[in-house]
Amino acid sequence: MKKEDGVTVISLIIYVGALLIIAVIIGRITTFFYNNVMDIQDDTSYSNVYSKINLSLLTLFKDENLVGIEFGNYENVNGSYFFEKLEDEDDSCSAIRVMIRDGENKKTKTIGLIDKQLYYDKTLIGEKIDNFSIRSDYEESEGKIKYTIDLDVKIGEETYSHTYTPIIE
């Protein structure tokens, strides 16, 4: 009998099946790592937004020309948003206004939450913010006002808290 060399139909099916199984295994492993990378990207994105918030507040509170702090919320009036100062200072709020002396004038800087977006004046510094809550307390002594400001922020799945203690002379 003559020996047959080459690829038979059965061996071709075995080769294709083995390659298909290997491709599926590689696909599953790749998907597993890709999903973990996406989770890490979301976590770092939330961390970046919180870092912007923290840096903005620290910059305002550490300004040596700080002359006042007001707490409130943004209110929607005919499609435009305006800062509304809190009536009761014991309540929590979602916006803070800082007054800084600029020569003879005062500049105001506002950080506040509008529809899950956080703005520093008119600049967007964060999205997907489920909670931006500020609680404050202060004490006066020797002509200085020392604030204790507690900030709670929930961005996506992450929750951050920080306490600031600015002093106004």
N, C-alpha and C. Protein backbone atom coordinates (compact mmCIF):
# COMPACT_ATOMS: atom_id res chain seq x y z
N MET A 1 0.80 -1.17 0.00
CA MET A 1 0.00 0.00 0.00
C MET A 1 0.85 1.25 0.00
N LYS A 2 0.26 2.24 -0.52
CA LYS A 2 0.94 3.51 -0.66
C LYS A 2 0.72 4.33 0.61
N LYS A 3 1.77 4.93 1.15
CA LYS A 3 1.68 5.76 2.35
C LYS A 3 1.18 7.14 1.94
N GLU A 4 0.19 7.65 2.71
CA GLU A 4 -0.36 8.96 2.38
C GLU A 4 0.32 10.02 3.24
N ASP A 5 0.89 10.99 2.60
CA ASP A 5 1.48 12.14 3.30
C ASP A 5 0.55 13.33 3.06
N GLY A 6 0.53 14.26 4.03
CA GLY A 6 -0.28 15.45 3.87
C GLY A 6 -1.30 15.55 5.00
N VAL A 7 -2.22 16.44 4.83
CA VAL A 7 -3.20 16.74 5.86
C VAL A 7 -4.51 16.07 5.49
N THR A 8 -5.01 15.28 6.40
CA THR A 8 -6.30 14.65 6.18
C THR A 8 -7.38 15.52 6.80
N VAL A 9 -8.62 15.22 6.51
CA VAL A 9 -9.74 16.00 7.02
C VAL A 9 -9.80 15.91 8.54
N ILE A 10 -9.56 14.76 9.09
CA ILE A 10 -9.61 14.58 10.54
C ILE A 10 -8.51 15.39 11.22
N SER A 11 -7.31 15.33 10.71
CA SER A 11 -6.23 16.11 11.32
C SER A 11 -6.47 17.61 11.17
N LEU A 12 -7.09 18.04 10.06
CA LEU A 12 -7.42 19.46 9.87
C LEU A 12 -8.43 19.91 10.92
N ILE A 13 -9.45 19.09 11.18
CA ILE A 13 -10.45 19.42 12.19
C ILE A 13 -9.80 19.51 13.58
N ILE A 14 -8.88 18.60 13.86
CA ILE A 14 -8.18 18.63 15.16
C ILE A 14 -7.34 19.89 15.29
N TYR A 15 -6.62 20.27 14.24
CA TYR A 15 -5.81 21.50 14.27
C TYR A 15 -6.69 22.74 14.48
N VAL A 16 -7.76 22.85 13.72
CA VAL A 16 -8.65 24.01 13.83
C VAL A 16 -9.29 24.05 15.22
N GLY A 17 -9.72 22.91 15.73
CA GLY A 17 -10.31 22.86 17.07
C GLY A 17 -9.33 23.28 18.15
N ALA A 18 -8.09 22.79 18.05
CA ALA A 18 -7.07 23.16 19.04
C ALA A 18 -6.77 24.65 18.98
N LEU A 19 -6.66 25.21 17.78
CA LEU A 19 -6.41 26.65 17.64
C LEU A 19 -7.58 27.47 18.18
N LEU A 20 -8.80 26.99 17.95
CA LEU A 20 -9.98 27.68 18.46
C LEU A 20 -10.00 27.68 19.99
N ILE A 21 -9.67 26.55 20.60
CA ILE A 21 -9.62 26.47 22.06
C ILE A 21 -8.54 27.40 22.62
N ILE A 22 -7.38 27.45 21.99
CA ILE A 22 -6.31 28.34 22.43
C ILE A 22 -6.74 29.80 22.29
N ALA A 23 -7.41 30.15 21.17
CA ALA A 23 -7.87 31.52 20.96
C ALA A 23 -8.89 31.92 22.02
N VAL A 24 -9.80 31.02 22.39
CA VAL A 24 -10.80 31.32 23.41
C VAL A 24 -10.13 31.53 24.76
N ILE A 25 -9.16 30.70 25.11
CA ILE A 25 -8.45 30.85 26.38
C ILE A 25 -7.71 32.18 26.43
N ILE A 26 -7.02 32.54 25.36
CA ILE A 26 -6.31 33.83 25.32
C ILE A 26 -7.30 34.98 25.40
N GLY A 27 -8.44 34.87 24.75
CA GLY A 27 -9.47 35.91 24.81
C GLY A 27 -10.01 36.10 26.21
N ARG A 28 -10.25 35.00 26.93
CA ARG A 28 -10.75 35.09 28.31
C ARG A 28 -9.72 35.76 29.21
N ILE A 29 -8.47 35.38 29.07
CA ILE A 29 -7.42 35.99 29.90
C ILE A 29 -7.29 37.47 29.58
N THR A 30 -7.32 37.83 28.32
CA THR A 30 -7.22 39.24 27.92
C THR A 30 -8.39 40.04 28.47
N THR A 31 -9.60 39.50 28.38
CA THR A 31 -10.78 40.18 28.90
C THR A 31 -10.66 40.40 30.41
N PHE A 32 -10.19 39.39 31.12
CA PHE A 32 -10.01 39.51 32.57
C PHE A 32 -9.08 40.66 32.91
N PHE A 33 -7.93 40.74 32.24
CA PHE A 33 -6.98 41.81 32.53
C PHE A 33 -7.50 43.16 32.07
N TYR A 34 -8.19 43.21 30.94
CA TYR A 34 -8.73 44.47 30.44
C TYR A 34 -9.76 45.04 31.42
N ASN A 35 -10.65 44.19 31.94
CA ASN A 35 -11.65 44.67 32.90
C ASN A 35 -10.99 45.21 34.17
N ASN A 36 -9.94 44.58 34.64
CA ASN A 36 -9.24 45.08 35.82
C ASN A 36 -8.56 46.41 35.53
N VAL A 37 -8.03 46.59 34.32
CA VAL A 37 -7.41 47.85 33.93
C VAL A 37 -8.46 48.96 33.91
N MET A 38 -9.66 48.67 33.43
CA MET A 38 -10.71 49.68 33.40
C MET A 38 -11.11 50.08 34.81
N ASP A 39 -11.18 49.12 35.75
CA ASP A 39 -11.49 49.44 37.14
C ASP A 39 -10.42 50.35 37.74
N ILE A 40 -9.16 50.07 37.45
CA ILE A 40 -8.06 50.90 37.95
C ILE A 40 -8.15 52.30 37.35
N GLN A 41 -8.50 52.41 36.07
CA GLN A 41 -8.62 53.72 35.44
C GLN A 41 -9.73 54.54 36.11
N ASP A 42 -10.87 53.91 36.43
CA ASP A 42 -11.95 54.62 37.11
C ASP A 42 -11.49 55.10 38.48
N ASP A 43 -10.82 54.23 39.23
CA ASP A 43 -10.34 54.61 40.56
C ASP A 43 -9.37 55.78 40.50
N THR A 44 -8.44 55.77 39.55
CA THR A 44 -7.49 56.87 39.44
C THR A 44 -8.19 58.13 38.95
N SER A 45 -9.22 57.98 38.13
CA SER A 45 -9.99 59.14 37.68
C SER A 45 -10.66 59.82 38.86
N TYR A 46 -11.27 59.02 39.76
CA TYR A 46 -11.91 59.59 40.95
C TYR A 46 -10.88 60.27 41.83
N SER A 47 -9.73 59.64 41.98
CA SER A 47 -8.67 60.21 42.79
C SER A 47 -8.16 61.52 42.21
N ASN A 48 -8.07 61.61 40.89
CA ASN A 48 -7.63 62.84 40.24
C ASN A 48 -8.62 63.98 40.49
N VAL A 49 -9.92 63.68 40.42
CA VAL A 49 -10.93 64.71 40.67
C VAL A 49 -10.83 65.18 42.11
N TYR A 50 -10.70 64.26 43.06
CA TYR A 50 -10.58 64.66 44.46
C TYR A 50 -9.31 65.49 44.68
N SER A 51 -8.24 65.15 44.01
CA SER A 51 -7.00 65.93 44.14
C SER A 51 -7.21 67.36 43.65
N LYS A 52 -7.97 67.53 42.57
CA LYS A 52 -8.27 68.88 42.07
C LYS A 52 -9.10 69.66 43.09
N ILE A 53 -10.09 68.99 43.67
CA ILE A 53 -10.93 69.64 44.68
C ILE A 53 -10.09 70.05 45.88
N ASN A 54 -9.28 69.14 46.39
CA ASN A 54 -8.45 69.39 47.55
C ASN A 54 -7.46 70.53 47.27
N LEU A 55 -6.81 70.49 46.11
CA LEU A 55 -5.86 71.54 45.76
C LEU A 55 -6.54 72.90 45.66
N SER A 56 -7.73 72.94 45.06
CA SER A 56 -8.45 74.21 44.93
C SER A 56 -8.79 74.79 46.30
N LEU A 57 -9.30 73.95 47.19
CA LEU A 57 -9.66 74.44 48.52
C LEU A 57 -8.43 74.85 49.33
N LEU A 58 -7.38 74.05 49.27
CA LEU A 58 -6.16 74.41 50.00
C LEU A 58 -5.57 75.72 49.49
N THR A 59 -5.59 75.92 48.19
CA THR A 59 -5.07 77.17 47.62
C THR A 59 -5.86 78.36 48.14
N LEU A 60 -7.18 78.23 48.20
CA LEU A 60 -8.01 79.34 48.70
C LEU A 60 -7.81 79.57 50.19
N PHE A 61 -7.78 78.50 50.98
CA PHE A 61 -7.69 78.64 52.43
C PHE A 61 -6.31 79.09 52.90
N LYS A 62 -5.28 78.81 52.15
CA LYS A 62 -3.92 79.18 52.55
C LYS A 62 -3.52 80.57 52.03
N ASP A 63 -4.40 81.22 51.28
CA ASP A 63 -4.09 82.56 50.78
C ASP A 63 -3.96 83.52 51.96
N GLU A 64 -2.87 84.27 52.00
CA GLU A 64 -2.64 85.17 53.15
C GLU A 64 -3.56 86.38 53.13
N ASN A 65 -4.25 86.63 52.03
CA ASN A 65 -5.18 87.75 51.94
C ASN A 65 -6.63 87.33 52.13
N LEU A 66 -6.85 86.17 52.76
CA LEU A 66 -8.19 85.64 53.01
C LEU A 66 -8.91 86.56 53.99
N VAL A 67 -10.11 87.05 53.62
CA VAL A 67 -10.85 87.96 54.49
C VAL A 67 -12.23 87.45 54.88
N GLY A 68 -12.72 86.38 54.24
CA GLY A 68 -14.04 85.88 54.62
C GLY A 68 -14.40 84.59 53.92
N ILE A 69 -15.28 83.84 54.58
CA ILE A 69 -15.77 82.59 54.03
C ILE A 69 -17.28 82.55 54.25
N GLU A 70 -18.02 82.19 53.19
CA GLU A 70 -19.46 82.02 53.28
C GLU A 70 -19.82 80.62 52.80
N PHE A 71 -20.87 80.07 53.38
CA PHE A 71 -21.33 78.73 53.03
C PHE A 71 -22.74 78.82 52.48
N GLY A 72 -23.02 78.01 51.47
CA GLY A 72 -24.35 78.04 50.87
C GLY A 72 -24.54 76.96 49.84
N ASN A 73 -25.47 77.21 48.93
CA ASN A 73 -25.78 76.28 47.85
C ASN A 73 -26.02 77.08 46.58
N TYR A 74 -25.88 76.41 45.46
CA TYR A 74 -26.25 77.04 44.19
C TYR A 74 -27.75 76.83 43.99
N GLU A 75 -28.45 77.90 43.67
CA GLU A 75 -29.89 77.84 43.43
C GLU A 75 -30.15 78.17 41.96
N ASN A 76 -31.08 77.44 41.37
CA ASN A 76 -31.46 77.64 39.98
C ASN A 76 -32.57 78.69 39.92
N VAL A 77 -32.28 79.81 39.25
CA VAL A 77 -33.26 80.88 39.08
C VAL A 77 -33.38 81.14 37.58
N ASN A 78 -34.50 80.72 37.01
CA ASN A 78 -34.77 80.91 35.58
C ASN A 78 -33.65 80.38 34.69
N GLY A 79 -33.13 79.21 35.02
CA GLY A 79 -32.10 78.58 34.19
C GLY A 79 -30.68 79.01 34.49
N SER A 80 -30.48 79.97 35.39
CA SER A 80 -29.15 80.41 35.79
C SER A 80 -28.94 80.03 37.25
N TYR A 81 -27.71 79.74 37.59
CA TYR A 81 -27.39 79.33 38.96
C TYR A 81 -26.72 80.47 39.71
N PHE A 82 -27.18 80.68 40.95
CA PHE A 82 -26.64 81.73 41.80
C PHE A 82 -26.31 81.16 43.17
N PHE A 83 -25.27 81.70 43.78
CA PHE A 83 -24.87 81.29 45.13
C PHE A 83 -25.87 81.86 46.12
N GLU A 84 -26.45 81.00 46.94
CA GLU A 84 -27.39 81.41 47.97
C GLU A 84 -26.79 81.07 49.33
N LYS A 85 -26.51 82.09 50.13
CA LYS A 85 -25.89 81.89 51.44
C LYS A 85 -26.84 81.15 52.37
N LEU A 86 -26.27 80.28 53.23
CA LEU A 86 -27.07 79.53 54.20
C LEU A 86 -27.65 80.46 55.25
N GLU A 87 -28.89 80.20 55.62
CA GLU A 87 -29.51 80.95 56.71
C GLU A 87 -29.04 80.41 58.06
N ASP A 88 -29.01 79.10 58.19
CA ASP A 88 -28.61 78.45 59.44
C ASP A 88 -27.23 77.83 59.24
N GLU A 89 -26.24 78.33 59.93
CA GLU A 89 -24.87 77.88 59.72
C GLU A 89 -24.61 76.46 60.22
N ASP A 90 -25.57 75.86 60.92
CA ASP A 90 -25.40 74.49 61.38
C ASP A 90 -25.73 73.47 60.30
N ASP A 91 -26.38 73.90 59.23
CA ASP A 91 -26.73 72.99 58.14
C ASP A 91 -25.51 72.69 57.28
N SER A 92 -25.56 71.57 56.57
CA SER A 92 -24.50 71.30 55.60
C SER A 92 -24.89 71.96 54.29
N CYS A 93 -23.91 72.18 53.45
CA CYS A 93 -24.16 72.87 52.19
C CYS A 93 -23.34 72.22 51.08
N SER A 94 -23.53 72.69 49.85
CA SER A 94 -22.81 72.12 48.72
C SER A 94 -22.02 73.17 47.94
N ALA A 95 -21.81 74.33 48.55
CA ALA A 95 -21.00 75.38 47.90
C ALA A 95 -20.32 76.22 48.97
N ILE A 96 -19.17 76.75 48.60
CA ILE A 96 -18.42 77.61 49.52
C ILE A 96 -17.88 78.79 48.74
N ARG A 97 -17.99 79.97 49.34
CA ARG A 97 -17.48 81.20 48.71
C ARG A 97 -16.40 81.77 49.61
N VAL A 98 -15.27 82.10 49.01
CA VAL A 98 -14.13 82.63 49.74
C VAL A 98 -13.83 84.03 49.21
N MET A 99 -13.68 84.98 50.14
CA MET A 99 -13.34 86.35 49.77
C MET A 99 -11.86 86.60 50.04
N ILE A 100 -11.19 87.15 49.03
CA ILE A 100 -9.75 87.41 49.12
C ILE A 100 -9.53 88.89 48.79
N ARG A 101 -8.73 89.55 49.64
CA ARG A 101 -8.43 90.96 49.42
C ARG A 101 -7.44 91.09 48.26
N ASP A 102 -7.78 91.96 47.34
CA ASP A 102 -6.94 92.23 46.18
C ASP A 102 -6.72 93.74 46.12
N GLY A 103 -5.78 94.23 46.91
CA GLY A 103 -5.58 95.68 47.01
C GLY A 103 -6.74 96.29 47.74
N GLU A 104 -7.43 97.22 47.10
CA GLU A 104 -8.60 97.88 47.68
C GLU A 104 -9.87 97.05 47.50
N ASN A 105 -9.85 96.09 46.60
CA ASN A 105 -11.05 95.31 46.27
C ASN A 105 -11.02 93.93 46.90
N LYS A 106 -12.18 93.28 46.86
CA LYS A 106 -12.27 91.89 47.29
C LYS A 106 -12.62 91.04 46.07
N LYS A 107 -11.90 89.93 45.91
CA LYS A 107 -12.24 88.95 44.88
C LYS A 107 -13.00 87.83 45.57
N THR A 108 -13.99 87.29 44.90
CA THR A 108 -14.68 86.14 45.45
C THR A 108 -14.43 84.93 44.56
N LYS A 109 -14.16 83.82 45.19
CA LYS A 109 -13.96 82.55 44.51
C LYS A 109 -14.98 81.57 45.08
N THR A 110 -15.69 80.86 44.21
CA THR A 110 -16.74 79.96 44.65
C THR A 110 -16.50 78.57 44.11
N ILE A 111 -16.66 77.59 44.98
CA ILE A 111 -16.61 76.19 44.58
C ILE A 111 -17.95 75.59 44.98
N GLY A 112 -18.65 75.00 44.00
CA GLY A 112 -19.96 74.45 44.33
C GLY A 112 -20.42 73.38 43.37
N LEU A 113 -21.40 72.62 43.83
CA LEU A 113 -21.94 71.49 43.08
C LEU A 113 -23.22 71.91 42.35
N ILE A 114 -23.25 71.62 41.05
CA ILE A 114 -24.43 71.87 40.23
C ILE A 114 -24.68 70.61 39.40
N ASP A 115 -25.78 69.93 39.68
CA ASP A 115 -26.17 68.74 38.89
C ASP A 115 -25.04 67.73 38.73
N LYS A 116 -24.46 67.29 39.83
CA LYS A 116 -23.39 66.28 39.86
C LYS A 116 -22.11 66.73 39.17
N GLN A 117 -21.96 68.03 38.96
CA GLN A 117 -20.73 68.59 38.42
C GLN A 117 -20.24 69.66 39.38
N LEU A 118 -18.93 69.65 39.65
CA LEU A 118 -18.36 70.60 40.59
C LEU A 118 -17.63 71.69 39.83
N TYR A 119 -17.93 72.93 40.19
CA TYR A 119 -17.33 74.08 39.50
C TYR A 119 -16.51 74.92 40.47
N TYR A 120 -15.39 75.40 39.97
CA TYR A 120 -14.57 76.39 40.67
C TYR A 120 -14.73 77.66 39.86
N ASP A 121 -15.52 78.59 40.37
CA ASP A 121 -16.05 79.71 39.61
C ASP A 121 -16.79 79.12 38.40
N LYS A 122 -16.33 79.36 37.19
CA LYS A 122 -17.03 78.81 36.02
C LYS A 122 -16.27 77.67 35.36
N THR A 123 -15.25 77.17 36.05
CA THR A 123 -14.43 76.09 35.51
C THR A 123 -14.85 74.76 36.10
N LEU A 124 -15.15 73.80 35.24
CA LEU A 124 -15.53 72.46 35.68
C LEU A 124 -14.30 71.73 36.22
N ILE A 125 -14.38 71.27 37.47
CA ILE A 125 -13.23 70.53 38.02
C ILE A 125 -13.57 69.07 38.32
N GLY A 126 -14.85 68.68 38.19
CA GLY A 126 -15.19 67.29 38.44
C GLY A 126 -16.59 66.93 38.01
N GLU A 127 -16.75 65.69 37.55
CA GLU A 127 -18.06 65.17 37.14
C GLU A 127 -18.36 63.90 37.92
N LYS A 128 -19.59 63.43 37.80
CA LYS A 128 -20.05 62.21 38.48
C LYS A 128 -19.89 62.31 39.99
N ILE A 129 -20.14 63.50 40.52
CA ILE A 129 -20.02 63.73 41.96
C ILE A 129 -21.40 63.57 42.58
N ASP A 130 -21.56 62.50 43.33
CA ASP A 130 -22.85 62.19 43.94
C ASP A 130 -23.10 63.00 45.21
N ASN A 131 -22.02 63.37 45.90
CA ASN A 131 -22.18 64.11 47.15
C ASN A 131 -21.00 65.07 47.32
N PHE A 132 -21.30 66.31 47.63
CA PHE A 132 -20.30 67.31 47.98
C PHE A 132 -20.90 68.08 49.15
N SER A 133 -20.55 67.64 50.35
CA SER A 133 -21.18 68.17 51.55
C SER A 133 -20.15 68.87 52.43
N ILE A 134 -20.48 70.09 52.83
CA ILE A 134 -19.59 70.89 53.66
C ILE A 134 -20.32 71.22 54.96
N ARG A 135 -19.66 70.96 56.07
CA ARG A 135 -20.16 71.35 57.39
C ARG A 135 -19.09 72.23 58.02
N SER A 136 -19.53 73.27 58.69
CA SER A 136 -18.54 74.20 59.25
C SER A 136 -18.87 74.58 60.68
N ASP A 137 -17.82 75.01 61.35
CA ASP A 137 -17.92 75.54 62.70
C ASP A 137 -16.81 76.57 62.81
N TYR A 138 -16.95 77.52 63.70
CA TYR A 138 -15.88 78.52 63.87
C TYR A 138 -15.84 78.99 65.31
N GLU A 139 -14.69 79.53 65.65
CA GLU A 139 -14.52 80.15 66.96
C GLU A 139 -13.70 81.42 66.79
N GLU A 140 -14.06 82.43 67.56
CA GLU A 140 -13.36 83.71 67.50
C GLU A 140 -12.53 83.88 68.76
N SER A 141 -11.29 84.32 68.56
CA SER A 141 -10.45 84.66 69.71
C SER A 141 -9.33 85.57 69.24
N GLU A 142 -9.05 86.59 70.05
CA GLU A 142 -7.95 87.54 69.80
C GLU A 142 -8.02 88.15 68.40
N GLY A 143 -9.22 88.47 67.94
CA GLY A 143 -9.39 89.12 66.64
C GLY A 143 -9.23 88.19 65.45
N LYS A 144 -9.15 86.90 65.68
CA LYS A 144 -9.01 85.92 64.61
C LYS A 144 -10.24 85.01 64.61
N ILE A 145 -10.60 84.56 63.43
CA ILE A 145 -11.67 83.58 63.29
C ILE A 145 -11.05 82.30 62.77
N LYS A 146 -11.21 81.22 63.53
CA LYS A 146 -10.67 79.93 63.12
C LYS A 146 -11.84 79.03 62.73
N TYR A 147 -11.88 78.65 61.46
CA TYR A 147 -12.92 77.77 60.95
C TYR A 147 -12.47 76.31 61.03
N THR A 148 -13.43 75.45 61.24
CA THR A 148 -13.22 74.01 61.08
C THR A 148 -14.23 73.57 60.02
N ILE A 149 -13.72 73.19 58.88
CA ILE A 149 -14.56 72.86 57.73
C ILE A 149 -14.38 71.38 57.40
N ASP A 150 -15.47 70.64 57.51
CA ASP A 150 -15.45 69.21 57.18
C ASP A 150 -16.05 69.02 55.80
N LEU A 151 -15.30 68.35 54.94
CA LEU A 151 -15.72 68.10 53.57
C LEU A 151 -15.92 66.60 53.37
N ASP A 152 -17.06 66.22 52.83
CA ASP A 152 -17.34 64.84 52.44
C ASP A 152 -17.69 64.84 50.96
N VAL A 153 -16.98 64.04 50.19
CA VAL A 153 -17.17 63.98 48.74
C VAL A 153 -17.34 62.53 48.33
N LYS A 154 -18.35 62.27 47.51
CA LYS A 154 -18.51 60.94 46.92
C LYS A 154 -18.44 61.10 45.41
N ILE A 155 -17.41 60.49 44.83
CA ILE A 155 -17.18 60.56 43.39
C ILE A 155 -17.26 59.13 42.86
N GLY A 156 -18.26 58.85 42.05
CA GLY A 156 -18.42 57.49 41.56
C GLY A 156 -18.64 56.55 42.73
N GLU A 157 -17.77 55.58 42.88
CA GLU A 157 -17.88 54.60 43.97
C GLU A 157 -17.00 54.96 45.17
N GLU A 158 -16.20 56.01 45.06
CA GLU A 158 -15.24 56.36 46.11
C GLU A 158 -15.77 57.50 46.98
N THR A 159 -15.49 57.42 48.29
CA THR A 159 -15.87 58.47 49.24
C THR A 159 -14.61 59.03 49.87
N TYR A 160 -14.53 60.36 49.92
CA TYR A 160 -13.37 61.04 50.49
C TYR A 160 -13.85 62.02 51.56
N SER A 161 -13.03 62.20 52.60
CA SER A 161 -13.33 63.16 53.66
C SER A 161 -12.05 63.91 54.01
N HIS A 162 -12.23 65.17 54.38
CA HIS A 162 -11.07 65.97 54.78
C HIS A 162 -11.56 67.09 55.68
N THR A 163 -10.71 67.53 56.59
CA THR A 163 -11.02 68.66 57.47
C THR A 163 -9.99 69.76 57.22
N TYR A 164 -10.49 70.97 57.01
CA TYR A 164 -9.64 72.15 56.78
C TYR A 164 -9.82 73.09 57.97
N THR A 165 -8.75 73.82 58.31
CA THR A 165 -8.82 74.77 59.42
C THR A 165 -8.23 76.12 59.01
N PRO A 166 -8.93 76.86 58.12
CA PRO A 166 -8.42 78.18 57.76
C PRO A 166 -8.60 79.18 58.89
N ILE A 167 -7.72 80.17 58.94
CA ILE A 167 -7.77 81.22 59.96
C ILE A 167 -7.84 82.56 59.24
N ILE A 168 -8.79 83.39 59.67
CA ILE A 168 -8.94 84.73 59.11
C ILE A 168 -8.54 85.72 60.19
N GLU A 169 -7.61 86.58 59.83
CA GLU A 169 -7.13 87.58 60.81
C GLU A 169 -7.79 88.91 60.57
